Protein backbone atom coordinates (compact mmCIF):
# COMPACT_ATOMS: atom_id res chain seq x y z
CA MET A 1 110.66 93.65 99.02
CA VAL A 2 111.96 96.93 97.60
CA LEU A 3 109.11 99.22 96.54
CA VAL A 4 111.14 101.44 94.20
CA LYS A 5 113.21 100.87 91.05
CA ASP A 6 116.41 102.40 92.38
CA PRO A 7 116.75 102.63 96.19
CA ALA A 8 119.67 105.04 95.74
CA ASP A 9 117.65 107.49 93.65
CA ILE A 10 114.09 107.77 94.93
CA ARG A 11 111.95 110.36 93.17
CA LEU A 12 109.02 111.77 95.13
CA ALA A 13 106.03 113.96 94.41
CA VAL A 14 104.45 116.22 97.01
CA VAL A 15 100.78 116.59 96.15
CA GLY A 16 98.34 118.98 97.82
CA MET A 17 98.19 121.79 100.34
CA ASN A 18 95.44 123.05 102.62
CA ALA A 19 95.13 126.23 104.66
CA GLY A 20 97.11 126.26 107.89
CA ASN A 21 99.35 123.35 106.89
CA GLY A 22 102.82 124.12 105.55
CA HIS A 23 104.15 120.57 105.33
CA ALA A 24 104.57 120.87 101.57
CA TYR A 25 107.25 123.50 102.29
CA SER A 26 108.97 121.91 105.25
CA TRP A 27 108.89 118.27 104.15
CA SER A 28 110.15 119.13 100.67
CA ALA A 29 112.98 121.21 102.11
CA ILE A 30 113.96 118.53 104.62
CA ILE A 31 114.11 115.86 101.90
CA ASN A 32 115.84 117.97 99.26
CA GLY A 33 118.36 119.42 101.69
CA ARG A 34 117.84 123.04 100.68
CA PHE A 35 115.44 125.90 101.19
CA GLU A 36 114.95 129.50 100.24
CA PRO A 37 113.32 131.48 103.07
CA GLN A 38 111.50 134.12 101.01
CA PRO A 39 108.94 131.87 99.27
CA ILE A 40 108.09 130.25 102.61
CA ILE A 41 107.59 133.68 104.20
CA GLU A 42 105.45 134.71 101.21
CA GLY A 43 103.35 131.62 101.90
CA ALA A 44 102.81 132.86 105.49
CA TYR A 45 104.85 130.18 107.28
CA PRO A 46 107.70 132.08 108.99
CA GLY A 47 107.82 129.46 111.77
CA ILE A 48 109.03 126.90 109.24
CA VAL A 49 111.88 129.22 108.27
CA ASP A 50 112.81 129.55 111.94
CA TYR A 51 113.28 125.85 112.60
CA LEU A 52 114.94 125.18 109.24
CA GLN A 53 117.42 128.01 109.76
CA ALA A 54 118.20 126.70 113.24
CA GLN A 55 119.67 123.52 111.72
CA PRO A 56 123.25 123.06 110.56
CA SER A 57 123.24 122.66 106.78
CA GLU A 58 124.42 119.05 107.06
CA ASN A 59 121.20 118.12 108.91
CA LEU A 60 119.11 118.96 105.87
CA GLY A 61 118.54 116.32 103.23
CA ILE A 62 117.74 112.60 103.10
CA GLU A 63 120.38 110.78 101.10
CA GLY A 64 119.20 109.11 97.94
CA ALA A 65 115.77 110.75 97.93
CA ARG A 66 114.49 113.95 96.36
CA VAL A 67 111.21 115.69 95.68
CA THR A 68 111.13 116.15 91.92
CA HIS A 69 107.47 117.07 91.35
CA VAL A 70 104.91 119.22 93.15
CA TRP A 71 101.24 120.04 92.77
CA CYS A 72 99.21 122.25 95.10
CA ASP A 73 95.51 123.10 95.13
CA ASP A 74 96.49 126.72 94.47
CA PRO A 75 99.08 127.02 91.65
CA ALA A 76 100.66 129.97 93.45
CA ASP A 77 101.44 127.70 96.39
CA ALA A 78 103.03 125.15 94.06
CA ASN A 79 105.25 127.84 92.61
CA ARG A 80 106.34 128.96 96.08
CA VAL A 81 107.02 125.40 97.26
CA ALA A 82 109.07 124.68 94.13
CA ARG A 83 111.12 127.83 94.63
CA ALA A 84 111.59 127.15 98.32
CA ALA A 85 112.84 123.57 97.99
CA GLY A 86 114.38 123.52 94.52
CA ILE A 87 111.74 121.28 92.94
CA GLU A 88 112.18 121.06 89.18
CA ASN A 89 108.67 120.15 88.06
CA ILE A 90 105.31 121.80 88.77
CA VAL A 91 102.42 119.82 87.31
CA ASP A 92 98.96 120.97 86.27
CA ARG A 93 97.10 117.99 87.74
CA PRO A 94 97.98 115.60 90.58
CA GLU A 95 97.81 112.60 88.22
CA ASP A 96 100.50 114.13 86.02
CA VAL A 97 103.19 112.87 88.42
CA ILE A 98 102.28 109.24 87.66
CA GLY A 99 105.01 107.62 85.62
CA HIS A 100 107.60 110.16 86.73
CA VAL A 101 108.02 109.41 90.44
CA ASP A 102 108.51 106.37 92.67
CA ALA A 103 106.17 107.43 95.49
CA VAL A 104 103.81 110.22 96.51
CA ILE A 105 103.51 112.28 99.67
CA ILE A 106 100.09 113.76 100.45
CA PRO A 107 100.89 116.36 103.14
CA THR A 108 97.33 117.60 103.77
CA ASP A 109 95.54 117.08 107.08
CA ILE A 110 91.88 117.35 106.06
CA ALA A 111 91.07 113.68 106.47
CA SER A 112 87.75 113.81 104.66
CA GLU A 113 89.69 114.52 101.43
CA HIS A 114 92.25 111.73 101.71
CA VAL A 115 90.37 108.98 99.86
CA HIS A 116 89.81 111.30 96.90
CA ARG A 117 93.40 112.54 96.93
CA ALA A 118 94.87 109.05 97.27
CA LYS A 119 92.72 107.20 94.74
CA PRO A 120 94.63 107.90 91.48
CA PHE A 121 97.95 106.95 93.06
CA ILE A 122 96.56 103.82 94.69
CA GLU A 123 95.20 102.76 91.32
CA ALA A 124 98.60 103.46 89.74
CA GLY A 125 100.34 101.31 92.37
CA LEU A 126 102.42 104.14 93.82
CA PRO A 127 103.41 103.93 97.51
CA LEU A 128 101.85 106.69 99.60
CA LEU A 129 102.73 108.67 102.71
CA ILE A 130 99.55 110.41 103.86
CA ASP A 131 99.57 113.05 106.58
CA LYS A 132 97.57 112.48 109.73
CA PRO A 133 94.80 111.67 110.34
CA LEU A 134 94.28 109.04 107.66
CA ALA A 135 90.49 109.16 108.03
CA ILE A 136 87.80 110.46 110.39
CA GLU A 137 84.84 108.78 108.70
CA GLU A 138 84.32 105.05 109.02
CA HIS A 139 83.51 104.40 105.37
CA HIS A 140 86.72 106.18 104.34
CA LEU A 141 88.73 104.10 106.79
CA ARG A 142 87.15 100.93 105.40
CA ARG A 143 88.24 101.98 101.91
CA PHE A 144 91.83 102.35 103.09
CA ILE A 145 91.62 98.96 104.81
CA GLU A 146 90.43 97.41 101.54
CA TRP A 147 93.34 98.99 99.68
CA HIS A 148 95.80 97.79 102.31
CA GLU A 149 94.43 94.25 102.20
CA ALA A 150 94.83 94.35 98.42
CA GLY A 151 98.54 94.99 98.94
CA LYS A 152 98.60 98.73 98.29
CA PRO A 153 101.52 100.38 100.15
CA ILE A 154 100.11 103.09 102.44
CA ILE A 155 101.73 104.73 105.46
CA SER A 156 99.94 107.28 107.63
CA CYS A 157 100.61 108.53 111.13
CA SER A 158 101.25 111.58 113.24
CA SER A 159 104.85 112.78 113.10
CA VAL A 160 104.91 112.89 116.90
CA ARG A 161 105.18 109.08 116.77
CA TYR A 162 108.87 109.77 116.12
CA ALA A 163 109.44 112.18 119.02
CA LYS A 164 112.23 110.59 121.03
CA GLN A 165 110.83 112.01 124.27
CA TYR A 166 107.55 110.13 123.83
CA GLN A 167 109.29 106.97 122.58
CA THR A 168 111.39 106.70 125.74
CA ALA A 169 108.73 107.88 128.20
CA ARG A 170 107.40 104.38 128.93
CA HIS A 171 110.78 103.08 130.08
CA GLU A 172 111.49 106.23 132.07
CA ALA A 173 108.09 106.05 133.75
CA GLN A 174 108.69 102.44 134.79
CA GLN A 175 111.98 103.50 136.36
CA THR A 176 110.74 106.57 138.21
CA ILE A 177 107.00 106.73 138.95
CA GLY A 178 105.91 103.16 139.64
CA GLU A 179 102.87 101.81 137.83
CA MET A 180 101.16 104.31 135.53
CA ARG A 181 97.66 105.33 136.49
CA LEU A 182 96.86 108.51 134.53
CA ILE A 183 98.20 110.19 131.40
CA VAL A 184 97.13 113.72 130.47
CA ARG A 185 98.03 114.93 126.97
CA THR A 186 97.17 118.40 125.73
CA MET A 187 96.94 119.64 122.15
CA ILE A 188 95.78 122.62 120.09
CA LYS A 189 93.46 123.19 117.12
CA SER A 190 90.61 120.84 116.26
CA TRP A 191 89.99 117.26 117.34
CA GLU A 192 89.47 116.29 113.70
CA GLN A 193 92.92 117.50 112.62
CA TYR A 194 95.10 117.43 115.74
CA GLY A 195 93.44 114.90 118.01
CA ILE A 196 95.57 112.21 116.36
CA HIS A 197 98.72 113.96 117.61
CA ALA A 198 97.50 113.54 121.17
CA ILE A 199 96.43 109.93 120.66
CA GLU A 200 99.55 108.83 118.85
CA SER A 201 101.97 110.37 121.34
CA VAL A 202 100.27 108.45 124.16
CA SER A 203 100.16 105.12 122.33
CA PRO A 204 103.89 104.22 122.81
CA LEU A 205 103.27 104.17 126.56
CA LEU A 206 100.55 101.50 126.35
CA ASP A 207 100.18 98.12 124.71
CA PRO A 208 98.28 98.21 121.39
CA GLY A 209 94.81 96.73 121.27
CA GLY A 210 93.96 97.48 124.87
CA TRP A 211 91.61 100.42 124.49
CA LEU A 212 88.34 99.78 126.33
CA SER A 213 86.26 102.93 125.90
CA VAL A 214 86.37 106.53 124.74
CA ALA A 215 84.09 109.44 125.64
CA ASN A 216 84.25 113.10 124.63
CA THR A 217 82.66 115.30 127.28
CA GLY A 218 83.87 118.61 125.84
CA THR A 219 82.81 120.87 122.99
CA SER A 220 83.90 121.32 119.39
CA GLU A 221 86.36 124.01 120.52
CA ALA A 222 87.47 122.31 123.75
CA ASN A 223 87.43 118.54 123.39
CA ILE A 224 87.99 116.70 126.66
CA VAL A 225 88.32 113.02 125.80
CA HIS A 226 88.54 110.25 128.40
CA VAL A 227 89.99 106.95 127.20
CA ARG A 228 90.30 103.82 129.32
CA HIS A 229 92.95 101.16 128.74
CA ASP A 230 92.91 97.57 129.94
CA SER A 231 96.25 98.09 131.69
CA GLY A 232 94.39 100.13 134.28
CA VAL A 233 95.60 103.45 132.90
CA ASP A 234 93.16 106.29 132.28
CA VAL A 235 94.01 108.80 129.57
CA VAL A 236 92.68 112.35 129.28
CA LEU A 237 93.22 114.07 125.94
CA ALA A 238 92.46 117.80 126.07
CA VAL A 239 92.38 119.29 122.56
CA VAL A 240 91.55 122.98 122.91
CA ALA A 241 91.52 125.19 119.82
CA ASP A 242 93.65 128.11 121.03
CA MET A 243 95.61 126.44 123.87
CA MET A 244 99.08 127.07 122.42
CA GLY A 245 100.58 126.44 125.85
CA GLY A 246 99.58 122.80 125.52
CA LEU A 247 101.04 122.01 122.12
CA SER A 248 103.74 119.58 123.25
CA ASN A 249 102.91 118.66 126.84
CA MET A 250 102.21 115.35 128.54
CA GLU A 251 101.86 114.56 132.25
CA ILE A 252 102.17 111.00 133.53
CA TYR A 253 101.07 110.04 137.04
CA GLY A 254 102.02 106.80 138.76
CA THR A 255 101.75 104.96 142.04
CA THR A 256 104.97 106.48 143.39
CA GLY A 257 105.52 109.68 141.44
CA SER A 258 104.85 111.77 138.36
CA MET A 259 106.73 113.08 135.35
CA SER A 260 106.37 115.67 132.62
CA VAL A 261 107.28 115.07 129.00
CA VAL A 262 107.70 117.84 126.42
CA ALA A 263 108.53 117.14 122.78
CA ASN A 264 108.94 120.26 120.66
CA ASP A 265 111.81 119.40 118.30
CA THR A 266 109.73 119.86 115.14
CA PHE A 267 112.59 119.49 112.66
CA ASN A 268 113.87 116.13 113.89
CA ILE A 269 110.36 114.75 114.39
CA PHE A 270 109.57 115.54 110.76
CA LYS A 271 112.91 114.28 109.46
CA ASP A 272 112.62 110.97 111.30
CA HIS A 273 109.05 110.59 109.99
CA LEU A 274 110.18 111.14 106.40
CA ALA A 275 113.28 108.97 106.80
CA ALA A 276 111.09 106.11 108.04
CA PHE A 277 109.01 106.37 104.87
CA ILE A 278 112.12 106.36 102.68
CA LYS A 279 113.38 103.28 104.54
CA TYR A 280 110.02 101.61 103.93
CA LEU A 281 110.37 102.28 100.20
CA ARG A 282 113.82 100.69 100.23
CA THR A 283 112.98 97.63 102.33
CA GLY A 284 109.25 97.04 101.98
CA GLN A 285 109.13 96.70 105.78
CA PRO A 286 106.64 99.17 107.29
CA PRO A 287 107.82 101.09 110.36
CA PHE A 288 104.70 99.97 112.27
CA ALA A 289 101.71 97.78 111.62
CA PHE A 290 98.90 99.26 109.54
CA GLU A 291 96.54 97.86 112.17
CA GLU A 292 97.90 100.49 114.59
CA THR A 293 96.82 103.23 112.21
CA VAL A 294 93.38 101.67 111.95
CA GLU A 295 93.07 101.40 115.73
CA LEU A 296 94.21 104.94 116.46
């Protein structure tokens, strides 16, 4: 079932921005197929300029979709995002996009705010793409489950789900290292914001629904999380605030060998994430089961 009026002309709103997260810039630019570096630099995200400029111009843009409206918590950010990605409309309130767009992207990663940010669009029946993690509090997750069961279209995941290196790692491991016994995945920043990156990049290697236990023996700055899976695989997720050397790394150990996996192609991970959402809007077929989001 198509979720939009015209699958060839999908209008999107990008709503929200929080400190340390520049997805409003990068995702808008990737969808709209254009960017101006200066506003992004003014917003203090030169790294986004670097990976956008590294792409051939034909790689930018998702055909038949465009960000037409933007709202940010700070109006100055909204102005910069609009200038950067060629967005025509800056609105005064998030709800002002209702009636003018086909779907909404909430690119913020403070999960405790997601129910509040999503509510007006859920009530308006607009499909949503919500940045990871969807929720970190059980009562918020239950609210999203209720909305999903009521038929509200919601997609949320870590973009690393779409990293080709992680998607193919299971097959490669079976071919080269025997039976998996231990996976070690490292990540930066906080468990609350970036732990989902670590979890979701490991999940393609293991069957869903098989998690047995989870224990965090670390600290708030250095989370060391041990997860056990019913396949006999142990998983160690090390999310350490300033461990930039561990941003994209995974080690897999098996009965006959080991392998390293690194996925750091930020542009294509983001583009594939956004393209999957656009495909969902056109087909009504979600790229993965909502139950996976709930589990992770």
